[in-house]
Amino acid sequence: DPSGAKRAKCKYCVKTYAAATKGNGTTSMNNH
């Protein structure tokens, strides 16, 4: 993102989640 933070965007909709290597898992993405 513009601030330099790592994020992940869904390929089918515009929903985004934090995706830093340390500190962020994939649970929220799997729930989405």
PDB file of all heavy atoms in Angstrom:
ATOM      1  N   ASP A   1       0.843  -1.191   0.000  1.00  0.00           N
ATOM      2  CA  ASP A   1       0.000   0.000   0.000  1.00  0.00           C
ATOM      3  C   ASP A   1       0.885   1.251   0.000  1.00  0.00           C
ATOM      4  O   ASP A   1       2.129   1.153   0.091  1.00  0.00           O
ATOM      5  CB  ASP A   1      -0.943  -0.025   1.202  1.00  0.00           C
ATOM      6  CG  ASP A   1      -0.196   0.000   2.534  1.00  0.00           C
ATOM      7  OD1 ASP A   1       1.040   0.109   2.516  1.00  0.00           O
ATOM      8  OD2 ASP A   1      -0.858  -0.089   3.587  1.00  0.00           O
ATOM      9  N   PRO A   2       0.307   2.440  -0.133  1.00  0.00           N
ATOM     10  CA  PRO A   2       1.126   3.666  -0.184  1.00  0.00           C
ATOM     11  C   PRO A   2       2.046   3.857   1.010  1.00  0.00           C
ATOM     12  O   PRO A   2       3.103   4.478   0.885  1.00  0.00           O
ATOM     13  CB  PRO A   2       0.067   4.775  -0.249  1.00  0.00           C
ATOM     14  CG  PRO A   2      -1.109   4.132  -0.908  1.00  0.00           C
ATOM     15  CD  PRO A   2      -1.113   2.726  -0.424  1.00  0.00           C
ATOM     16  N   SER A   3       1.684   3.306   2.164  1.00  0.00           N
ATOM     17  CA  SER A   3       2.546   3.453   3.336  1.00  0.00           C
ATOM     18  C   SER A   3       3.664   2.420   3.375  1.00  0.00           C
ATOM     19  O   SER A   3       4.515   2.479   4.257  1.00  0.00           O
ATOM     20  CB  SER A   3       1.702   3.340   4.609  1.00  0.00           C
ATOM     21  OG  SER A   3       1.107   2.053   4.697  1.00  0.00           O
ATOM     22  N   GLY A   4       3.673   1.477   2.430  1.00  0.00           N
ATOM     23  CA  GLY A   4       4.712   0.457   2.391  1.00  0.00           C
ATOM     24  C   GLY A   4       4.358  -0.822   3.114  1.00  0.00           C
ATOM     25  O   GLY A   4       5.165  -1.753   3.135  1.00  0.00           O
ATOM     26  N   ALA A   5       3.162  -0.892   3.695  1.00  0.00           N
ATOM     27  CA  ALA A   5       2.758  -2.098   4.420  1.00  0.00           C
ATOM     28  C   ALA A   5       2.317  -3.178   3.433  1.00  0.00           C
ATOM     29  O   ALA A   5       1.766  -2.889   2.376  1.00  0.00           O
ATOM     30  CB  ALA A   5       1.623  -1.778   5.387  1.00  0.00           C
ATOM     31  N   LYS A   6       2.577  -4.424   3.791  1.00  0.00           N
ATOM     32  CA  LYS A   6       2.190  -5.546   2.970  1.00  0.00           C
ATOM     33  C   LYS A   6       0.703  -5.848   3.170  1.00  0.00           C
ATOM     34  O   LYS A   6       0.225  -5.949   4.294  1.00  0.00           O
ATOM     35  CB  LYS A   6       3.001  -6.788   3.345  1.00  0.00           C
ATOM     36  CG  LYS A   6       4.498  -6.652   3.132  1.00  0.00           C
ATOM     37  CD  LYS A   6       4.834  -6.625   1.643  1.00  0.00           C
ATOM     38  CE  LYS A   6       6.343  -6.584   1.434  1.00  0.00           C
ATOM     39  NZ  LYS A   6       6.698  -6.547  -0.006  1.00  0.00           N
ATOM     40  N   ARG A   7      -0.011  -5.989   2.059  1.00  0.00           N
ATOM     41  CA  ARG A   7      -1.429  -6.311   2.115  1.00  0.00           C
ATOM     42  C   ARG A   7      -1.742  -7.347   1.039  1.00  0.00           C
ATOM     43  O   ARG A   7      -0.943  -7.560   0.113  1.00  0.00           O
ATOM     44  CB  ARG A   7      -2.315  -5.075   1.922  1.00  0.00           C
ATOM     45  CG  ARG A   7      -2.138  -4.038   3.023  1.00  0.00           C
ATOM     46  CD  ARG A   7      -3.234  -2.997   2.964  1.00  0.00           C
ATOM     47  NE  ARG A   7      -4.549  -3.556   3.260  1.00  0.00           N
ATOM     48  CZ  ARG A   7      -5.023  -3.725   4.483  1.00  0.00           C
ATOM     49  NH1 ARG A   7      -4.289  -3.390   5.541  1.00  0.00           N
ATOM     50  NH2 ARG A   7      -6.238  -4.219   4.669  1.00  0.00           N
ATOM     51  N   ALA A   8      -2.910  -7.995   1.160  1.00  0.00           N
ATOM     52  CA  ALA A   8      -3.355  -9.011   0.209  1.00  0.00           C
ATOM     53  C   ALA A   8      -4.762  -8.646  -0.255  1.00  0.00           C
ATOM     54  O   ALA A   8      -5.618  -8.288   0.563  1.00  0.00           O
ATOM     55  CB  ALA A   8      -3.347 -10.400   0.836  1.00  0.00           C
ATOM     56  N   LYS A   9      -4.990  -8.734  -1.565  1.00  0.00           N
ATOM     57  CA  LYS A   9      -6.280  -8.378  -2.150  1.00  0.00           C
ATOM     58  C   LYS A   9      -6.915  -9.616  -2.766  1.00  0.00           C
ATOM     59  O   LYS A   9      -6.255 -10.392  -3.459  1.00  0.00           O
ATOM     60  CB  LYS A   9      -6.099  -7.295  -3.219  1.00  0.00           C
ATOM     61  CG  LYS A   9      -7.406  -6.867  -3.886  1.00  0.00           C
ATOM     62  CD  LYS A   9      -7.188  -5.726  -4.858  1.00  0.00           C
ATOM     63  CE  LYS A   9      -6.365  -6.172  -6.038  1.00  0.00           C
ATOM     64  NZ  LYS A   9      -6.225  -5.107  -7.067  1.00  0.00           N
ATOM     65  N   CYS A  10      -8.217  -9.801  -2.514  1.00  0.00           N
ATOM     66  CA  CYS A  10      -8.952 -10.929  -3.074  1.00  0.00           C
ATOM     67  C   CYS A  10      -9.029 -10.780  -4.600  1.00  0.00           C
ATOM     68  O   CYS A  10      -9.272  -9.692  -5.119  1.00  0.00           O
ATOM     69  CB  CYS A  10     -10.360 -11.001  -2.473  1.00  0.00           C
ATOM     70  SG  CYS A  10     -11.374 -12.346  -3.123  1.00  0.00           S
ATOM     71  N   LYS A  11      -8.829 -11.871  -5.322  1.00  0.00           N
ATOM     72  CA  LYS A  11      -8.853 -11.847  -6.777  1.00  0.00           C
ATOM     73  C   LYS A  11     -10.257 -11.683  -7.348  1.00  0.00           C
ATOM     74  O   LYS A  11     -10.406 -11.384  -8.528  1.00  0.00           O
ATOM     75  CB  LYS A  11      -8.243 -13.140  -7.330  1.00  0.00           C
ATOM     76  CG  LYS A  11      -6.763 -13.312  -7.027  1.00  0.00           C
ATOM     77  CD  LYS A  11      -6.231 -14.589  -7.649  1.00  0.00           C
ATOM     78  CE  LYS A  11      -4.744 -14.774  -7.359  1.00  0.00           C
ATOM     79  NZ  LYS A  11      -4.218 -16.039  -7.946  1.00  0.00           N
ATOM     80  N   TYR A  12     -11.284 -11.875  -6.510  1.00  0.00           N
ATOM     81  CA  TYR A  12     -12.647 -11.856  -7.006  1.00  0.00           C
ATOM     82  C   TYR A  12     -13.416 -10.613  -6.582  1.00  0.00           C
ATOM     83  O   TYR A  12     -14.368 -10.221  -7.245  1.00  0.00           O
ATOM     84  CB  TYR A  12     -13.392 -13.104  -6.527  1.00  0.00           C
ATOM     85  CG  TYR A  12     -12.581 -14.365  -6.697  1.00  0.00           C
ATOM     86  CD1 TYR A  12     -12.039 -15.022  -5.593  1.00  0.00           C
ATOM     87  CD2 TYR A  12     -12.328 -14.890  -7.963  1.00  0.00           C
ATOM     88  CE1 TYR A  12     -11.283 -16.172  -5.740  1.00  0.00           C
ATOM     89  CE2 TYR A  12     -11.570 -16.030  -8.121  1.00  0.00           C
ATOM     90  CZ  TYR A  12     -11.049 -16.671  -7.006  1.00  0.00           C
ATOM     91  OH  TYR A  12     -10.297 -17.802  -7.165  1.00  0.00           O
ATOM     92  N   CYS A  13     -13.023  -9.996  -5.470  1.00  0.00           N
ATOM     93  CA  CYS A  13     -13.676  -8.778  -5.008  1.00  0.00           C
ATOM     94  C   CYS A  13     -12.595  -7.811  -4.522  1.00  0.00           C
ATOM     95  O   CYS A  13     -11.404  -8.069  -4.673  1.00  0.00           O
ATOM     96  CB  CYS A  13     -14.698  -9.076  -3.893  1.00  0.00           C
ATOM     97  SG  CYS A  13     -13.969  -9.771  -2.399  1.00  0.00           S
ATOM     98  N   VAL A  14     -12.988  -6.691  -3.972  1.00  0.00           N
ATOM     99  CA  VAL A  14     -12.030  -5.637  -3.589  1.00  0.00           C
ATOM    100  C   VAL A  14     -11.628  -5.730  -2.120  1.00  0.00           C
ATOM    101  O   VAL A  14     -10.986  -4.823  -1.612  1.00  0.00           O
ATOM    102  CB  VAL A  14     -12.648  -4.250  -3.878  1.00  0.00           C
ATOM    103  CG1 VAL A  14     -12.883  -4.070  -5.361  1.00  0.00           C
ATOM    104  CG2 VAL A  14     -13.966  -4.079  -3.110  1.00  0.00           C
ATOM    105  N   LYS A  15     -11.963  -6.787  -1.444  1.00  0.00           N
ATOM    106  CA  LYS A  15     -11.644  -6.918  -0.027  1.00  0.00           C
ATOM    107  C   LYS A  15     -10.142  -7.116   0.148  1.00  0.00           C
ATOM    108  O   LYS A  15      -9.506  -7.886  -0.569  1.00  0.00           O
ATOM    109  CB  LYS A  15     -12.391  -8.110   0.571  1.00  0.00           C
ATOM    110  CG  LYS A  15     -12.335  -8.185   2.087  1.00  0.00           C
ATOM    111  CD  LYS A  15     -13.152  -7.095   2.732  1.00  0.00           C
ATOM    112  CE  LYS A  15     -13.195  -7.259   4.244  1.00  0.00           C
ATOM    113  NZ  LYS A  15     -13.957  -6.181   4.893  1.00  0.00           N
ATOM    114  N   THR A  16      -9.540  -6.390   1.103  1.00  0.00           N
ATOM    115  CA  THR A  16      -8.109  -6.490   1.358  1.00  0.00           C
ATOM    116  C   THR A  16      -7.874  -6.816   2.828  1.00  0.00           C
ATOM    117  O   THR A  16      -8.695  -6.496   3.701  1.00  0.00           O
ATOM    118  CB  THR A  16      -7.392  -5.180   1.000  1.00  0.00           C
ATOM    119  OG1 THR A  16      -7.898  -4.113   1.824  1.00  0.00           O
ATOM    120  CG2 THR A  16      -7.590  -4.844  -0.472  1.00  0.00           C
ATOM    121  N   TYR A  17      -6.700  -7.439   3.096  1.00  0.00           N
ATOM    122  CA  TYR A  17      -6.319  -7.808   4.449  1.00  0.00           C
ATOM    123  C   TYR A  17      -4.824  -7.547   4.626  1.00  0.00           C
ATOM    124  O   TYR A  17      -4.062  -7.566   3.652  1.00  0.00           O
ATOM    125  CB  TYR A  17      -6.621  -9.289   4.724  1.00  0.00           C
ATOM    126  CG  TYR A  17      -8.081  -9.629   4.709  1.00  0.00           C
ATOM    127  CD1 TYR A  17      -8.693 -10.045   3.530  1.00  0.00           C
ATOM    128  CD2 TYR A  17      -8.858  -9.541   5.853  1.00  0.00           C
ATOM    129  CE1 TYR A  17     -10.042 -10.370   3.492  1.00  0.00           C
ATOM    130  CE2 TYR A  17     -10.207  -9.866   5.834  1.00  0.00           C
ATOM    131  CZ  TYR A  17     -10.789 -10.272   4.648  1.00  0.00           C
ATOM    132  OH  TYR A  17     -12.123 -10.585   4.624  1.00  0.00           O
ATOM    133  N   ALA A  18      -4.422  -7.327   5.880  1.00  0.00           N
ATOM    134  CA  ALA A  18      -3.008  -7.157   6.193  1.00  0.00           C
ATOM    135  C   ALA A  18      -2.290  -8.480   5.955  1.00  0.00           C
ATOM    136  O   ALA A  18      -2.773  -9.542   6.332  1.00  0.00           O
ATOM    137  CB  ALA A  18      -2.834  -6.694   7.631  1.00  0.00           C
ATOM    138  N   ALA A  19      -1.100  -8.409   5.327  1.00  0.00           N
ATOM    139  CA  ALA A  19      -0.386  -9.629   4.946  1.00  0.00           C
ATOM    140  C   ALA A  19       1.099  -9.524   5.238  1.00  0.00           C
ATOM    141  O   ALA A  19       1.931  -9.962   4.441  1.00  0.00           O
ATOM    142  CB  ALA A  19      -0.622  -9.941   3.472  1.00  0.00           C
ATOM    143  N   ALA A  20       1.443  -8.937   6.378  1.00  0.00           N
ATOM    144  CA  ALA A  20       2.853  -8.874   6.755  1.00  0.00           C
ATOM    145  C   ALA A  20       3.370 -10.276   7.066  1.00  0.00           C
ATOM    146  O   ALA A  20       2.639 -11.123   7.565  1.00  0.00           O
ATOM    147  CB  ALA A  20       3.036  -7.969   7.967  1.00  0.00           C
ATOM    148  N   THR A  21       4.651 -10.502   6.728  1.00  0.00           N
ATOM    149  CA  THR A  21       5.226 -11.828   6.950  1.00  0.00           C
ATOM    150  C   THR A  21       5.191 -12.201   8.418  1.00  0.00           C
ATOM    151  O   THR A  21       4.926 -13.356   8.773  1.00  0.00           O
ATOM    152  CB  THR A  21       6.669 -11.869   6.426  1.00  0.00           C
ATOM    153  OG1 THR A  21       6.679 -11.469   5.055  1.00  0.00           O
ATOM    154  CG2 THR A  21       7.247 -13.250   6.561  1.00  0.00           C
ATOM    155  N   LYS A  22       5.471 -11.248   9.267  1.00  0.00           N
ATOM    156  CA  LYS A  22       5.421 -11.477  10.704  1.00  0.00           C
ATOM    157  C   LYS A  22       4.261 -10.691  11.301  1.00  0.00           C
ATOM    158  O   LYS A  22       4.124  -9.495  11.062  1.00  0.00           O
ATOM    159  CB  LYS A  22       6.729 -11.029  11.365  1.00  0.00           C
ATOM    160  CG  LYS A  22       7.940 -11.854  10.922  1.00  0.00           C
ATOM    161  CD  LYS A  22       9.186 -11.395  11.653  1.00  0.00           C
ATOM    162  CE  LYS A  22      10.404 -12.228  11.243  1.00  0.00           C
ATOM    163  NZ  LYS A  22      11.630 -11.809  11.941  1.00  0.00           N
ATOM    164  N   GLY A  23       3.424 -11.387  12.018  1.00  0.00           N
ATOM    165  CA  GLY A  23       2.342 -10.716  12.722  1.00  0.00           C
ATOM    166  C   GLY A  23       0.973 -10.913  12.111  1.00  0.00           C
ATOM    167  O   GLY A  23      -0.031 -10.654  12.768  1.00  0.00           O
ATOM    168  N   ASN A  24       0.887 -11.345  10.848  1.00  0.00           N
ATOM    169  CA  ASN A  24      -0.398 -11.534  10.195  1.00  0.00           C
ATOM    170  C   ASN A  24      -0.477 -12.940   9.606  1.00  0.00           C
ATOM    171  O   ASN A  24       0.415 -13.360   8.866  1.00  0.00           O
ATOM    172  CB  ASN A  24      -0.618 -10.516   9.070  1.00  0.00           C
ATOM    173  CG  ASN A  24      -0.617  -9.090   9.572  1.00  0.00           C
ATOM    174  OD1 ASN A  24       0.202  -8.284   9.169  1.00  0.00           O
ATOM    175  ND2 ASN A  24      -1.551  -8.770  10.455  1.00  0.00           N
ATOM    176  N   GLY A  25      -1.539 -13.649   9.940  1.00  0.00           N
ATOM    177  CA  GLY A  25      -1.760 -14.984   9.399  1.00  0.00           C
ATOM    178  C   GLY A  25      -2.761 -14.957   8.250  1.00  0.00           C
ATOM    179  O   GLY A  25      -3.111 -13.903   7.713  1.00  0.00           O
ATOM    180  N   THR A  26      -3.226 -16.129   7.888  1.00  0.00           N
ATOM    181  CA  THR A  26      -4.170 -16.276   6.772  1.00  0.00           C
ATOM    182  C   THR A  26      -5.566 -16.668   7.238  1.00  0.00           C
ATOM    183  O   THR A  26      -6.406 -17.012   6.417  1.00  0.00           O
ATOM    184  CB  THR A  26      -3.651 -17.322   5.777  1.00  0.00           C
ATOM    185  OG1 THR A  26      -3.487 -18.578   6.464  1.00  0.00           O
ATOM    186  CG2 THR A  26      -2.333 -16.892   5.166  1.00  0.00           C
ATOM    187  N   THR A  27      -5.817 -16.613   8.543  1.00  0.00           N
ATOM    188  CA  THR A  27      -7.130 -17.024   9.044  1.00  0.00           C
ATOM    189  C   THR A  27      -8.237 -16.125   8.516  1.00  0.00           C
ATOM    190  O   THR A  27      -9.289 -16.595   8.078  1.00  0.00           O
ATOM    191  CB  THR A  27      -7.135 -17.011  10.578  1.00  0.00           C
ATOM    192  OG1 THR A  27      -6.105 -17.872  11.061  1.00  0.00           O
ATOM    193  CG2 THR A  27      -8.481 -17.476  11.118  1.00  0.00           C
ATOM    194  N   SER A  28      -8.006 -14.819   8.540  1.00  0.00           N
ATOM    195  CA  SER A  28      -9.034 -13.894   8.061  1.00  0.00           C
ATOM    196  C   SER A  28      -9.300 -14.065   6.579  1.00  0.00           C
ATOM    197  O   SER A  28     -10.441 -13.953   6.117  1.00  0.00           O
ATOM    198  CB  SER A  28      -8.609 -12.450   8.357  1.00  0.00           C
ATOM    199  OG  SER A  28      -7.350 -12.168   7.755  1.00  0.00           O
ATOM    200  N   MET A  29      -8.261 -14.377   5.802  1.00  0.00           N
ATOM    201  CA  MET A  29      -8.454 -14.590   4.369  1.00  0.00           C
ATOM    202  C   MET A  29      -9.229 -15.875   4.101  1.00  0.00           C
ATOM    203  O   MET A  29     -10.099 -15.917   3.221  1.00  0.00           O
ATOM    204  CB  MET A  29      -7.095 -14.614   3.662  1.00  0.00           C
ATOM    205  CG  MET A  29      -6.409 -13.255   3.621  1.00  0.00           C
ATOM    206  SD  MET A  29      -4.867 -13.257   2.684  1.00  0.00           S
ATOM    207  CE  MET A  29      -3.776 -14.023   3.872  1.00  0.00           C
ATOM    208  N   ASN A  30      -8.933 -16.929   4.843  1.00  0.00           N
ATOM    209  CA  ASN A  30      -9.677 -18.175   4.678  1.00  0.00           C
ATOM    210  C   ASN A  30     -11.136 -18.006   5.072  1.00  0.00           C
ATOM    211  O   ASN A  30     -12.036 -18.570   4.428  1.00  0.00           O
ATOM    212  CB  ASN A  30      -9.034 -19.283   5.511  1.00  0.00           C
ATOM    213  CG  ASN A  30      -7.725 -19.770   4.914  1.00  0.00           C
ATOM    214  OD1 ASN A  30      -7.582 -19.838   3.700  1.00  0.00           O
ATOM    215  ND2 ASN A  30      -6.765 -20.109   5.766  1.00  0.00           N
ATOM    216  N   ASN A  31     -11.403 -17.226   6.109  1.00  0.00           N
ATOM    217  CA  ASN A  31     -12.790 -16.953   6.495  1.00  0.00           C
ATOM    218  C   ASN A  31     -13.513 -16.164   5.419  1.00  0.00           C
ATOM    219  O   ASN A  31     -14.718 -16.362   5.181  1.00  0.00           O
ATOM    220  CB  ASN A  31     -12.832 -16.200   7.826  1.00  0.00           C
ATOM    221  CG  ASN A  31     -12.344 -17.057   8.979  1.00  0.00           C
ATOM    222  OD1 ASN A  31     -12.379 -18.287   8.924  1.00  0.00           O
ATOM    223  ND2 ASN A  31     -11.875 -16.410  10.040  1.00  0.00           N
ATOM    224  N   HIS A  32     -12.793 -15.261   4.772  1.00  0.00           N
ATOM    225  CA  HIS A  32     -13.412 -14.473   3.698  1.00  0.00           C
ATOM    226  C   HIS A  32     -13.795 -15.358   2.518  1.00  0.00           C
ATOM    227  O   HIS A  32     -14.842 -15.136   1.881  1.00  0.00           O
ATOM    228  CB  HIS A  32     -12.444 -13.375   3.242  1.00  0.00           C
ATOM    229  CG  HIS A  32     -12.872 -12.693   1.972  1.00  0.00           C
ATOM    230  ND1 HIS A  32     -13.886 -11.764   1.924  1.00  0.00           N
ATOM    231  CD2 HIS A  32     -12.416 -12.825   0.698  1.00  0.00           C
ATOM    232  CE1 HIS A  32     -14.031 -11.351   0.679  1.00  0.00           C
ATOM    233  NE2 HIS A  32     -13.155 -11.983  -0.075  1.00  0.00           N
TER     234      HIS A  32
END
